[in-house]
Each structure stands twice: as structure tokens, then as C-alpha cells.
Amino acid sequence: VSPRDALAAARQAAVKTFMSQRLPKPVPPGGAGAERLLGEFLRPRLDRFGRPAVVAGGNGRGCGLDQLHCPTGICLEEDADGWSLYVCDSGNHRVMRWQAGGTEGERVA
């Protein structure tokens, strides 16, 4: 076994070990594993953070003020009007600002 092959095998084993520790195992729909995933992973987070909600976009992909196309980054900012969410909408080459409770965003860049 060449040093290069040994290094490649060691790297592959390390990545496999890392991924098996970090990611949950695939769960068949409706199987016992799905109930375990819900009980051990999702339910504690729902109890802590509440149900998820769509706060920006949610109206399909597009270029409207209530749509996003490939959002790639977000930033929260507290201002005089409350909270604003800034979304980098790379598919439309723009930055959108969504104010708390708003139904559409405002193009800011």
C-alpha cells in the first residue's frame, strides 16, 4: 500500500466517522425511527423555540416584493420600528428588508 493510498483511506475513514457522529441516520417515513427522531431531536427544539414560521418570502420563487429567489444570507437588526430581517436574495441580485409583521419586503440594495 502506497503512502498516498493509506492517507486517502485514513481521510475517508475520518470523514465517515465524523459524519456518522454529526448527522442523524436516515429515517424511513412512518417507521419507528421517525418517531425516535421526532421525540429525541425535533420535539425538544419545538418546546424550546416554538413552532417555526415563515417570516420572509413564502410565496414561491420569484422577483416580487413578497418573493425570494435563492436567499443566501440573513441579518437581524433592532431599530425604532422593532425588528427588521435583511435577506441577501442572490437570485435577484438584491438585499431585501422585511419588518416584523410585514407581508412584503423592501428593496434596500
PDB file of N, CA and C in Angstrom:
ATOM      1  N   VAL A   1       0.857  -1.177   0.000  1.00  0.00           N
ATOM      2  CA  VAL A   1       0.000   0.000   0.000  1.00  0.00           C
ATOM      3  C   VAL A   1       0.899   1.236   0.000  1.00  0.00           C
ATOM      4  N   SER A   2       0.627   2.102  -0.949  1.00  0.00           N
ATOM      5  CA  SER A   2       1.430   3.318  -1.044  1.00  0.00           C
ATOM      6  C   SER A   2       1.011   4.317   0.037  1.00  0.00           C
ATOM      7  N   PRO A   3       1.893   5.230   0.410  1.00  0.00           N
ATOM      8  CA  PRO A   3       1.536   6.255   1.399  1.00  0.00           C
ATOM      9  C   PRO A   3       0.321   7.080   0.962  1.00  0.00           C
ATOM     10  N   ARG A   4       0.212   7.355  -0.331  1.00  0.00           N
ATOM     11  CA  ARG A   4      -0.921   8.134  -0.837  1.00  0.00           C
ATOM     12  C   ARG A   4      -2.234   7.375  -0.621  1.00  0.00           C
ATOM     13  N   ASP A   5      -2.250   6.053  -0.922  1.00  0.00           N
ATOM     14  CA  ASP A   5      -3.452   5.238  -0.722  1.00  0.00           C
ATOM     15  C   ASP A   5      -3.802   5.134   0.757  1.00  0.00           C
ATOM     16  N   ALA A   6      -2.799   4.989   1.597  1.00  0.00           N
ATOM     17  CA  ALA A   6      -3.035   4.904   3.037  1.00  0.00           C
ATOM     18  C   ALA A   6      -3.621   6.215   3.568  1.00  0.00           C
ATOM     19  N   LEU A   7      -3.105   7.323   3.097  1.00  0.00           N
ATOM     20  CA  LEU A   7      -3.621   8.624   3.514  1.00  0.00           C
ATOM     21  C   LEU A   7      -5.061   8.809   3.052  1.00  0.00           C
ATOM     22  N   ALA A   8      -5.356   8.421   1.811  1.00  0.00           N
ATOM     23  CA  ALA A   8      -6.719   8.535   1.288  1.00  0.00           C
ATOM     24  C   ALA A   8      -7.676   7.670   2.087  1.00  0.00           C
ATOM     25  N   ALA A   9      -7.286   6.456   2.437  1.00  0.00           N
ATOM     26  CA  ALA A   9      -8.131   5.559   3.225  1.00  0.00           C
ATOM     27  C   ALA A   9      -8.363   6.133   4.627  1.00  0.00           C
ATOM     28  N   ALA A  10      -7.320   6.683   5.236  1.00  0.00           N
ATOM     29  CA  ALA A  10      -7.451   7.283   6.565  1.00  0.00           C
ATOM     30  C   ALA A  10      -8.368   8.501   6.525  1.00  0.00           C
ATOM     31  N   ARG A  11      -8.226   9.325   5.500  1.00  0.00           N
ATOM     32  CA  ARG A  11      -9.077  10.501   5.348  1.00  0.00           C
ATOM     33  C   ARG A  11     -10.538  10.085   5.178  1.00  0.00           C
ATOM     34  N   GLN A  12     -10.787   9.074   4.337  1.00  0.00           N
ATOM     35  CA  GLN A  12     -12.145   8.603   4.100  1.00  0.00           C
ATOM     36  C   GLN A  12     -12.752   8.049   5.387  1.00  0.00           C
ATOM     37  N   ALA A  13     -11.975   7.296   6.169  1.00  0.00           N
ATOM     38  CA  ALA A  13     -12.466   6.751   7.436  1.00  0.00           C
ATOM     39  C   ALA A  13     -12.769   7.868   8.428  1.00  0.00           C
ATOM     40  N   ALA A  14     -11.930   8.898   8.477  1.00  0.00           N
ATOM     41  CA  ALA A  14     -12.153  10.014   9.396  1.00  0.00           C
ATOM     42  C   ALA A  14     -13.414  10.782   9.030  1.00  0.00           C
ATOM     43  N   VAL A  15     -13.631  11.024   7.743  1.00  0.00           N
ATOM     44  CA  VAL A  15     -14.834  11.736   7.298  1.00  0.00           C
ATOM     45  C   VAL A  15     -16.070  10.912   7.602  1.00  0.00           C
ATOM     46  N   LYS A  16     -16.008   9.605   7.346  1.00  0.00           N
ATOM     47  CA  LYS A  16     -17.150   8.732   7.611  1.00  0.00           C
ATOM     48  C   LYS A  16     -17.492   8.736   9.106  1.00  0.00           C
ATOM     49  N   THR A  17     -16.482   8.656   9.956  1.00  0.00           N
ATOM     50  CA  THR A  17     -16.703   8.685  11.399  1.00  0.00           C
ATOM     51  C   THR A  17     -17.296  10.020  11.824  1.00  0.00           C
ATOM     52  N   PHE A  18     -16.744  11.122  11.321  1.00  0.00           N
ATOM     53  CA  PHE A  18     -17.249  12.455  11.658  1.00  0.00           C
ATOM     54  C   PHE A  18     -18.705  12.610  11.251  1.00  0.00           C
ATOM     55  N   MET A  19     -19.031  12.220  10.016  1.00  0.00           N
ATOM     56  CA  MET A  19     -20.399  12.377   9.521  1.00  0.00           C
ATOM     57  C   MET A  19     -21.374  11.495  10.284  1.00  0.00           C
ATOM     58  N   SER A  20     -20.961  10.301  10.672  1.00  0.00           N
ATOM     59  CA  SER A  20     -21.877   9.417  11.395  1.00  0.00           C
ATOM     60  C   SER A  20     -22.168   9.952  12.790  1.00  0.00           C
ATOM     61  N   GLN A  21     -21.251  10.722  13.354  1.00  0.00           N
ATOM     62  CA  GLN A  21     -21.477  11.300  14.668  1.00  0.00           C
ATOM     63  C   GLN A  21     -22.274  12.593  14.593  1.00  0.00           C
ATOM     64  N   ARG A  22     -22.186  13.328  13.487  1.00  0.00           N
ATOM     65  CA  ARG A  22     -22.814  14.641  13.379  1.00  0.00           C
ATOM     66  C   ARG A  22     -24.221  14.613  12.801  1.00  0.00           C
ATOM     67  N   LEU A  23     -24.493  13.709  11.884  1.00  0.00           N
ATOM     68  CA  LEU A  23     -25.772  13.698  11.191  1.00  0.00           C
ATOM     69  C   LEU A  23     -26.652  12.571  11.689  1.00  0.00           C
ATOM     70  N   PRO A  24     -27.969  12.825  11.827  1.00  0.00           N
ATOM     71  CA  PRO A  24     -28.848  11.723  12.204  1.00  0.00           C
ATOM     72  C   PRO A  24     -28.916  10.700  11.077  1.00  0.00           C
ATOM     73  N   LYS A  25     -29.143   9.469  11.448  1.00  0.00           N
ATOM     74  CA  LYS A  25     -29.250   8.404  10.458  1.00  0.00           C
ATOM     75  C   LYS A  25     -30.506   8.612   9.613  1.00  0.00           C
ATOM     76  N   PRO A  26     -30.511   8.189   8.340  1.00  0.00           N
ATOM     77  CA  PRO A  26     -31.718   8.291   7.523  1.00  0.00           C
ATOM     78  C   PRO A  26     -32.876   7.560   8.188  1.00  0.00           C
ATOM     79  N   VAL A  27     -34.055   8.152   8.118  1.00  0.00           N
ATOM     80  CA  VAL A  27     -35.223   7.602   8.783  1.00  0.00           C
ATOM     81  C   VAL A  27     -36.286   7.282   7.737  1.00  0.00           C
ATOM     82  N   PRO A  28     -36.763   6.031   7.705  1.00  0.00           N
ATOM     83  CA  PRO A  28     -37.829   5.719   6.756  1.00  0.00           C
ATOM     84  C   PRO A  28     -39.122   6.405   7.176  1.00  0.00           C
ATOM     85  N   PRO A  29     -39.909   6.924   6.225  1.00  0.00           N
ATOM     86  CA  PRO A  29     -41.159   7.602   6.572  1.00  0.00           C
ATOM     87  C   PRO A  29     -42.099   6.672   7.327  1.00  0.00           C
ATOM     88  N   GLY A  30     -42.612   7.139   8.434  1.00  0.00           N
ATOM     89  CA  GLY A  30     -43.582   6.380   9.204  1.00  0.00           C
ATOM     90  C   GLY A  30     -42.998   5.244  10.013  1.00  0.00           C
ATOM     91  N   GLY A  31     -41.698   5.019   9.964  1.00  0.00           N
ATOM     92  CA  GLY A  31     -41.081   3.929  10.697  1.00  0.00           C
ATOM     93  C   GLY A  31     -40.838   4.300  12.148  1.00  0.00           C
ATOM     94  N   ALA A  32     -40.376   3.311  12.918  1.00  0.00           N
ATOM     95  CA  ALA A  32     -40.076   3.549  14.326  1.00  0.00           C
ATOM     96  C   ALA A  32     -38.983   4.601  14.468  1.00  0.00           C
ATOM     97  N   GLY A  33     -38.068   4.664  13.496  1.00  0.00           N
ATOM     98  CA  GLY A  33     -37.014   5.661  13.540  1.00  0.00           C
ATOM     99  C   GLY A  33     -37.546   7.076  13.433  1.00  0.00           C
ATOM    100  N   ALA A  34     -38.646   7.258  12.682  1.00  0.00           N
ATOM    101  CA  ALA A  34     -39.252   8.585  12.548  1.00  0.00           C
ATOM    102  C   ALA A  34     -39.773   9.068  13.888  1.00  0.00           C
ATOM    103  N   GLU A  35     -40.406   8.184  14.641  1.00  0.00           N
ATOM    104  CA  GLU A  35     -40.913   8.557  15.971  1.00  0.00           C
ATOM    105  C   GLU A  35     -39.755   8.886  16.908  1.00  0.00           C
ATOM    106  N   ARG A  36     -38.671   8.138  16.799  1.00  0.00           N
ATOM    107  CA  ARG A  36     -37.496   8.406  17.628  1.00  0.00           C
ATOM    108  C   ARG A  36     -36.884   9.760  17.276  1.00  0.00           C
ATOM    109  N   LEU A  37     -36.784  10.049  15.956  1.00  0.00           N
ATOM    110  CA  LEU A  37     -36.241  11.337  15.524  1.00  0.00           C
ATOM    111  C   LEU A  37     -37.106  12.475  16.045  1.00  0.00           C
ATOM    112  N   LEU A  38     -38.420  12.319  15.951  1.00  0.00           N
ATOM    113  CA  LEU A  38     -39.339  13.347  16.443  1.00  0.00           C
ATOM    114  C   LEU A  38     -39.181  13.537  17.943  1.00  0.00           C
ATOM    115  N   GLY A  39     -39.117  12.439  18.679  1.00  0.00           N
ATOM    116  CA  GLY A  39     -39.041  12.528  20.135  1.00  0.00           C
ATOM    117  C   GLY A  39     -37.724  13.050  20.650  1.00  0.00           C
ATOM    118  N   GLU A  40     -36.623  12.607  20.045  1.00  0.00           N
ATOM    119  CA  GLU A  40     -35.309  12.970  20.570  1.00  0.00           C
ATOM    120  C   GLU A  40     -34.725  14.245  19.984  1.00  0.00           C
ATOM    121  N   PHE A  41     -35.103  14.586  18.762  1.00  0.00           N
ATOM    122  CA  PHE A  41     -34.475  15.722  18.090  1.00  0.00           C
ATOM    123  C   PHE A  41     -35.424  16.901  17.922  1.00  0.00           C
ATOM    124  N   LEU A  42     -36.570  16.676  17.315  1.00  0.00           N
ATOM    125  CA  LEU A  42     -37.451  17.793  16.974  1.00  0.00           C
ATOM    126  C   LEU A  42     -38.276  18.312  18.154  1.00  0.00           C
ATOM    127  N   ARG A  43     -38.883  17.425  18.931  1.00  0.00           N
ATOM    128  CA  ARG A  43     -39.798  17.863  19.992  1.00  0.00           C
ATOM    129  C   ARG A  43     -39.109  18.767  21.017  1.00  0.00           C
ATOM    130  N   PRO A  44     -37.899  18.443  21.503  1.00  0.00           N
ATOM    131  CA  PRO A  44     -37.252  19.359  22.456  1.00  0.00           C
ATOM    132  C   PRO A  44     -37.001  20.749  21.867  1.00  0.00           C
ATOM    133  N   ARG A  45     -36.679  20.818  20.580  1.00  0.00           N
ATOM    134  CA  ARG A  45     -36.451  22.123  19.958  1.00  0.00           C
ATOM    135  C   ARG A  45     -37.757  22.887  19.778  1.00  0.00           C
ATOM    136  N   LEU A  46     -38.839  22.179  19.450  1.00  0.00           N
ATOM    137  CA  LEU A  46     -40.135  22.838  19.341  1.00  0.00           C
ATOM    138  C   LEU A  46     -40.579  23.368  20.702  1.00  0.00           C
ATOM    139  N   ASP A  47     -40.339  22.586  21.769  1.00  0.00           N
ATOM    140  CA  ASP A  47     -40.694  23.041  23.108  1.00  0.00           C
ATOM    141  C   ASP A  47     -39.896  24.280  23.499  1.00  0.00           C
ATOM    142  N   ARG A  48     -38.637  24.315  23.097  1.00  0.00           N
ATOM    143  CA  ARG A  48     -37.772  25.444  23.481  1.00  0.00           C
ATOM    144  C   ARG A  48     -38.022  26.685  22.638  1.00  0.00           C
ATOM    145  N   PHE A  49     -38.145  26.521  21.307  1.00  0.00           N
ATOM    146  CA  PHE A  49     -38.208  27.669  20.413  1.00  0.00           C
ATOM    147  C   PHE A  49     -39.594  27.944  19.844  1.00  0.00           C
ATOM    148  N   GLY A  50     -40.534  27.028  19.984  1.00  0.00           N
ATOM    149  CA  GLY A  50     -41.866  27.221  19.415  1.00  0.00           C
ATOM    150  C   GLY A  50     -41.922  26.727  17.977  1.00  0.00           C
ATOM    151  N   ARG A  51     -43.094  26.770  17.411  1.00  0.00           N
ATOM    152  CA  ARG A  51     -43.293  26.310  16.043  1.00  0.00           C
ATOM    153  C   ARG A  51     -42.628  27.258  15.068  1.00  0.00           C
ATOM    154  N   PRO A  52     -42.008  26.724  14.014  1.00  0.00           N
ATOM    155  CA  PRO A  52     -41.385  27.602  13.017  1.00  0.00           C
ATOM    156  C   PRO A  52     -42.436  28.365  12.230  1.00  0.00           C
ATOM    157  N   ALA A  53     -42.071  29.534  11.762  1.00  0.00           N
ATOM    158  CA  ALA A  53     -42.982  30.364  10.973  1.00  0.00           C
ATOM    159  C   ALA A  53     -42.211  30.990   9.824  1.00  0.00           C
ATOM    160  N   VAL A  54     -42.879  31.172   8.714  1.00  0.00           N
ATOM    161  CA  VAL A  54     -42.285  31.863   7.570  1.00  0.00           C
ATOM    162  C   VAL A  54     -42.361  33.355   7.855  1.00  0.00           C
ATOM    163  N   VAL A  55     -41.227  34.032   7.827  1.00  0.00           N
ATOM    164  CA  VAL A  55     -41.202  35.464   8.119  1.00  0.00           C
ATOM    165  C   VAL A  55     -40.773  36.298   6.920  1.00  0.00           C
ATOM    166  N   ALA A  56     -40.312  35.648   5.864  1.00  0.00           N
ATOM    167  CA  ALA A  56     -39.920  36.362   4.640  1.00  0.00           C
ATOM    168  C   ALA A  56     -40.111  35.411   3.470  1.00  0.00           C
ATOM    169  N   GLY A  57     -40.637  35.919   2.385  1.00  0.00           N
ATOM    170  CA  GLY A  57     -40.880  35.063   1.225  1.00  0.00           C
ATOM    171  C   GLY A  57     -42.105  34.205   1.469  1.00  0.00           C
ATOM    172  N   GLY A  58     -42.004  32.937   1.131  1.00  0.00           N
ATOM    173  CA  GLY A  58     -43.103  32.013   1.358  1.00  0.00           C
ATOM    174  C   GLY A  58     -44.138  32.010   0.246  1.00  0.00           C
ATOM    175  N   ASN A  59     -43.915  32.761  -0.800  1.00  0.00           N
ATOM    176  CA  ASN A  59     -44.861  32.839  -1.911  1.00  0.00           C
ATOM    177  C   ASN A  59     -44.248  32.297  -3.195  1.00  0.00           C
ATOM    178  N   GLY A  60     -43.406  31.308  -3.058  1.00  0.00           N
ATOM    179  CA  GLY A  60     -42.758  30.712  -4.217  1.00  0.00           C
ATOM    180  C   GLY A  60     -41.575  31.548  -4.678  1.00  0.00           C
ATOM    181  N   ARG A  61     -40.816  30.970  -5.580  1.00  0.00           N
ATOM    182  CA  ARG A  61     -39.639  31.652  -6.122  1.00  0.00           C
ATOM    183  C   ARG A  61     -40.078  32.729  -7.096  1.00  0.00           C
ATOM    184  N   GLY A  62     -39.455  33.899  -7.024  1.00  0.00           N
ATOM    185  CA  GLY A  62     -39.793  34.964  -7.951  1.00  0.00           C
ATOM    186  C   GLY A  62     -39.092  36.258  -7.614  1.00  0.00           C
ATOM    187  N   CYS A  63     -39.514  37.329  -8.295  1.00  0.00           N
ATOM    188  CA  CYS A  63     -38.869  38.633  -8.110  1.00  0.00           C
ATOM    189  C   CYS A  63     -39.803  39.667  -7.491  1.00  0.00           C
ATOM    190  N   GLY A  64     -40.979  39.259  -7.040  1.00  0.00           N
ATOM    191  CA  GLY A  64     -41.897  40.192  -6.391  1.00  0.00           C
ATOM    192  C   GLY A  64     -41.393  40.600  -5.021  1.00  0.00           C
ATOM    193  N   LEU A  65     -42.008  41.632  -4.456  1.00  0.00           N
ATOM    194  CA  LEU A  65     -41.599  42.106  -3.132  1.00  0.00           C
ATOM    195  C   LEU A  65     -41.948  41.112  -2.030  1.00  0.00           C
ATOM    196  N   ASP A  66     -42.816  40.147  -2.323  1.00  0.00           N
ATOM    197  CA  ASP A  66     -43.162  39.113  -1.356  1.00  0.00           C
ATOM    198  C   ASP A  66     -42.542  37.763  -1.723  1.00  0.00           C
ATOM    199  N   GLN A  67     -41.509  37.783  -2.578  1.00  0.00           N
ATOM    200  CA  GLN A  67     -40.860  36.561  -3.031  1.00  0.00           C
ATOM    201  C   GLN A  67     -39.346  36.686  -2.938  1.00  0.00           C
ATOM    202  N   LEU A  68     -38.689  35.534  -2.859  1.00  0.00           N
ATOM    203  CA  LEU A  68     -37.232  35.463  -2.874  1.00  0.00           C
ATOM    204  C   LEU A  68     -36.809  34.438  -3.921  1.00  0.00           C
ATOM    205  N   HIS A  69     -35.580  34.571  -4.401  1.00  0.00           N
ATOM    206  CA  HIS A  69     -35.018  33.627  -5.360  1.00  0.00           C
ATOM    207  C   HIS A  69     -33.574  33.357  -4.946  1.00  0.00           C
ATOM    208  N   CYS A  70     -33.331  32.217  -4.334  1.00  0.00           N
ATOM    209  CA  CYS A  70     -32.005  31.819  -3.840  1.00  0.00           C
ATOM    210  C   CYS A  70     -31.484  32.735  -2.729  1.00  0.00           C
ATOM    211  N   PRO A  71     -32.207  32.832  -1.603  1.00  0.00           N
ATOM    212  CA  PRO A  71     -31.670  33.615  -0.483  1.00  0.00           C
ATOM    213  C   PRO A  71     -30.427  32.939   0.073  1.00  0.00           C
ATOM    214  N   THR A  72     -29.391  33.717   0.343  1.00  0.00           N
ATOM    215  CA  THR A  72     -28.128  33.133   0.772  1.00  0.00           C
ATOM    216  C   THR A  72     -27.644  33.622   2.128  1.00  0.00           C
ATOM    217  N   GLY A  73     -28.234  34.638   2.691  1.00  0.00           N
ATOM    218  CA  GLY A  73     -27.774  35.121   3.985  1.00  0.00           C
ATOM    219  C   GLY A  73     -28.823  35.999   4.635  1.00  0.00           C
ATOM    220  N   ILE A  74     -28.783  36.066   5.964  1.00  0.00           N
ATOM    221  CA  ILE A  74     -29.737  36.895   6.698  1.00  0.00           C
ATOM    222  C   ILE A  74     -29.005  37.680   7.781  1.00  0.00           C
ATOM    223  N   CYS A  75     -29.653  38.757   8.224  1.00  0.00           N
ATOM    224  CA  CYS A  75     -29.140  39.568   9.318  1.00  0.00           C
ATOM    225  C   CYS A  75     -30.345  40.178  10.031  1.00  0.00           C
ATOM    226  N   LEU A  76     -30.357  40.155  11.347  1.00  0.00           N
ATOM    227  CA  LEU A  76     -31.418  40.781  12.134  1.00  0.00           C
ATOM    228  C   LEU A  76     -30.913  42.094  12.706  1.00  0.00           C
ATOM    229  N   GLU A  77     -31.797  43.089  12.734  1.00  0.00           N
ATOM    230  CA  GLU A  77     -31.426  44.380  13.289  1.00  0.00           C
ATOM    231  C   GLU A  77     -32.610  44.940  14.060  1.00  0.00           C
ATOM    232  N   GLU A  78     -32.334  45.456  15.244  1.00  0.00           N
ATOM    233  CA  GLU A  78     -33.378  46.099  16.028  1.00  0.00           C
ATOM    234  C   GLU A  78     -33.297  47.602  15.776  1.00  0.00           C
ATOM    235  N   ASP A  79     -34.432  48.203  15.408  1.00  0.00           N
ATOM    236  CA  ASP A  79     -34.470  49.638  15.172  1.00  0.00           C
ATOM    237  C   ASP A  79     -35.686  50.232  15.879  1.00  0.00           C
ATOM    238  N   ALA A  80     -35.979  51.487  15.626  1.00  0.00           N
ATOM    239  CA  ALA A  80     -37.082  52.174  16.299  1.00  0.00           C
ATOM    240  C   ALA A  80     -38.433  51.525  16.003  1.00  0.00           C
ATOM    241  N   ASP A  81     -38.576  50.888  14.838  1.00  0.00           N
ATOM    242  CA  ASP A  81     -39.841  50.256  14.451  1.00  0.00           C
ATOM    243  C   ASP A  81     -39.952  48.815  14.928  1.00  0.00           C
ATOM    244  N   GLY A  82     -38.976  48.307  15.626  1.00  0.00           N
ATOM    245  CA  GLY A  82     -38.952  46.908  16.063  1.00  0.00           C
ATOM    246  C   GLY A  82     -37.814  46.180  15.379  1.00  0.00           C
ATOM    247  N   TRP A  83     -38.048  44.940  14.992  1.00  0.00           N
ATOM    248  CA  TRP A  83     -37.027  44.117  14.348  1.00  0.00           C
ATOM    249  C   TRP A  83     -37.176  44.144  12.852  1.00  0.00           C
ATOM    250  N   SER A  84     -36.056  44.151  12.168  1.00  0.00           N
ATOM    251  CA  SER A  84     -36.024  44.025  10.712  1.00  0.00           C
ATOM    252  C   SER A  84     -35.118  42.853  10.353  1.00  0.00           C
ATOM    253  N   LEU A  85     -35.535  42.111   9.340  1.00  0.00           N
ATOM    254  CA  LEU A  85     -34.757  40.994   8.826  1.00  0.00           C
ATOM    255  C   LEU A  85     -34.260  41.384   7.449  1.00  0.00           C
ATOM    256  N   TYR A  86     -32.941  41.361   7.271  1.00  0.00           N
ATOM    257  CA  TYR A  86     -32.334  41.634   5.972  1.00  0.00           C
ATOM    258  C   TYR A  86     -31.992  40.299   5.322  1.00  0.00           C
ATOM    259  N   VAL A  87     -32.378  40.138   4.072  1.00  0.00           N
ATOM    260  CA  VAL A  87     -32.138  38.893   3.347  1.00  0.00           C
ATOM    261  C   VAL A  87     -31.353  39.201   2.083  1.00  0.00           C
ATOM    262  N   CYS A  88     -30.233  38.520   1.910  1.00  0.00           N
ATOM    263  CA  CYS A  88     -29.466  38.613   0.670  1.00  0.00           C
ATOM    264  C   CYS A  88     -30.131  37.678  -0.334  1.00  0.00           C
ATOM    265  N   ASP A  89     -30.795  38.237  -1.320  1.00  0.00           N
ATOM    266  CA  ASP A  89     -31.538  37.485  -2.332  1.00  0.00           C
ATOM    267  C   ASP A  89     -30.670  37.401  -3.586  1.00  0.00           C
ATOM    268  N   SER A  90     -29.759  36.438  -3.602  1.00  0.00           N
ATOM    269  CA  SER A  90     -28.750  36.404  -4.670  1.00  0.00           C
ATOM    270  C   SER A  90     -29.342  36.122  -6.039  1.00  0.00           C
ATOM    271  N   GLY A  91     -30.441  35.387  -6.130  1.00  0.00           N
ATOM    272  CA  GLY A  91     -31.042  35.099  -7.425  1.00  0.00           C
ATOM    273  C   GLY A  91     -31.601  36.333  -8.102  1.00  0.00           C
ATOM    274  N   ASN A  92     -31.970  37.344  -7.317  1.00  0.00           N
ATOM    275  CA  ASN A  92     -32.491  38.599  -7.855  1.00  0.00           C
ATOM    276  C   ASN A  92     -31.489  39.741  -7.719  1.00  0.00           C
ATOM    277  N   HIS A  93     -30.290  39.453  -7.240  1.00  0.00           N
ATOM    278  CA  HIS A  93     -29.223  40.464  -7.091  1.00  0.00           C
ATOM    279  C   HIS A  93     -29.703  41.663  -6.278  1.00  0.00           C
ATOM    280  N   ARG A  94     -30.207  41.371  -5.085  1.00  0.00           N
ATOM    281  CA  ARG A  94     -30.729  42.445  -4.238  1.00  0.00           C
ATOM    282  C   ARG A  94     -30.642  42.054  -2.773  1.00  0.00           C
ATOM    283  N   VAL A  95     -30.795  43.055  -1.908  1.00  0.00           N
ATOM    284  CA  VAL A  95     -30.931  42.844  -0.468  1.00  0.00           C
ATOM    285  C   VAL A  95     -32.304  43.373  -0.093  1.00  0.00           C
ATOM    286  N   MET A  96     -33.084  42.528   0.586  1.00  0.00           N
ATOM    287  CA  MET A  96     -34.447  42.890   0.972  1.00  0.00           C
ATOM    288  C   MET A  96     -34.517  43.083   2.483  1.00  0.00           C
ATOM    289  N   ARG A  97     -35.339  44.043   2.911  1.00  0.00           N
ATOM    290  CA  ARG A  97     -35.600  44.258   4.335  1.00  0.00           C
ATOM    291  C   ARG A  97     -37.049  43.908   4.614  1.00  0.00           C
ATOM    292  N   TRP A  98     -37.250  43.037   5.571  1.00  0.00           N
ATOM    293  CA  TRP A  98     -38.591  42.643   5.992  1.00  0.00           C
ATOM    294  C   TRP A  98     -38.778  43.115   7.419  1.00  0.00           C
ATOM    295  N   GLN A  99     -39.766  43.969   7.660  1.00  0.00           N
ATOM    296  CA  GLN A  99     -40.055  44.428   9.025  1.00  0.00           C
ATOM    297  C   GLN A  99     -40.960  43.426   9.696  1.00  0.00           C
ATOM    298  N   ALA A 100     -40.867  43.357  11.016  1.00  0.00           N
ATOM    299  CA  ALA A 100     -41.673  42.417  11.789  1.00  0.00           C
ATOM    300  C   ALA A 100     -43.145  42.622  11.479  1.00  0.00           C
ATOM    301  N   GLY A 101     -43.825  41.537  11.146  1.00  0.00           N
ATOM    302  CA  GLY A 101     -45.262  41.585  10.854  1.00  0.00           C
ATOM    303  C   GLY A 101     -45.588  42.006   9.435  1.00  0.00           C
ATOM    304  N   GLY A 102     -44.598  42.338   8.615  1.00  0.00           N
ATOM    305  CA  GLY A 102     -44.842  42.783   7.258  1.00  0.00           C
ATOM    306  C   GLY A 102     -45.243  41.632   6.348  1.00  0.00           C
ATOM    307  N   THR A 103     -45.938  41.963   5.255  1.00  0.00           N
ATOM    308  CA  THR A 103     -46.348  40.945   4.290  1.00  0.00           C
ATOM    309  C   THR A 103     -45.495  40.991   3.033  1.00  0.00           C
ATOM    310  N   GLU A 104     -44.688  42.028   2.884  1.00  0.00           N
ATOM    311  CA  GLU A 104     -43.755  42.098   1.765  1.00  0.00           C
ATOM    312  C   GLU A 104     -42.520  42.855   2.203  1.00  0.00           C
ATOM    313  N   GLY A 105     -41.448  42.651   1.452  1.00  0.00           N
ATOM    314  CA  GLY A 105     -40.182  43.289   1.782  1.00  0.00           C
ATOM    315  C   GLY A 105     -39.978  44.587   1.051  1.00  0.00           C
ATOM    316  N   GLU A 106     -38.892  45.236   1.398  1.00  0.00           N
ATOM    317  CA  GLU A 106     -38.496  46.499   0.747  1.00  0.00           C
ATOM    318  C   GLU A 106     -37.075  46.310   0.231  1.00  0.00           C
ATOM    319  N   ARG A 107     -36.865  46.656  -1.033  1.00  0.00           N
ATOM    320  CA  ARG A 107     -35.520  46.542  -1.604  1.00  0.00           C
ATOM    321  C   ARG A 107     -34.656  47.657  -1.048  1.00  0.00           C
ATOM    322  N   VAL A 108     -33.527  47.281  -0.440  1.00  0.00           N
ATOM    323  CA  VAL A 108     -32.634  48.286   0.154  1.00  0.00           C
ATOM    324  C   VAL A 108     -31.280  48.339  -0.561  1.00  0.00           C
ATOM    325  N   ALA A 109     -30.976  47.357  -1.357  1.00  0.00           N
ATOM    326  CA  ALA A 109     -29.731  47.382  -2.131  1.00  0.00           C
ATOM    327  C   ALA A 109     -29.842  46.431  -3.297  1.00  0.00           C
TER     328      ALA A 109
END
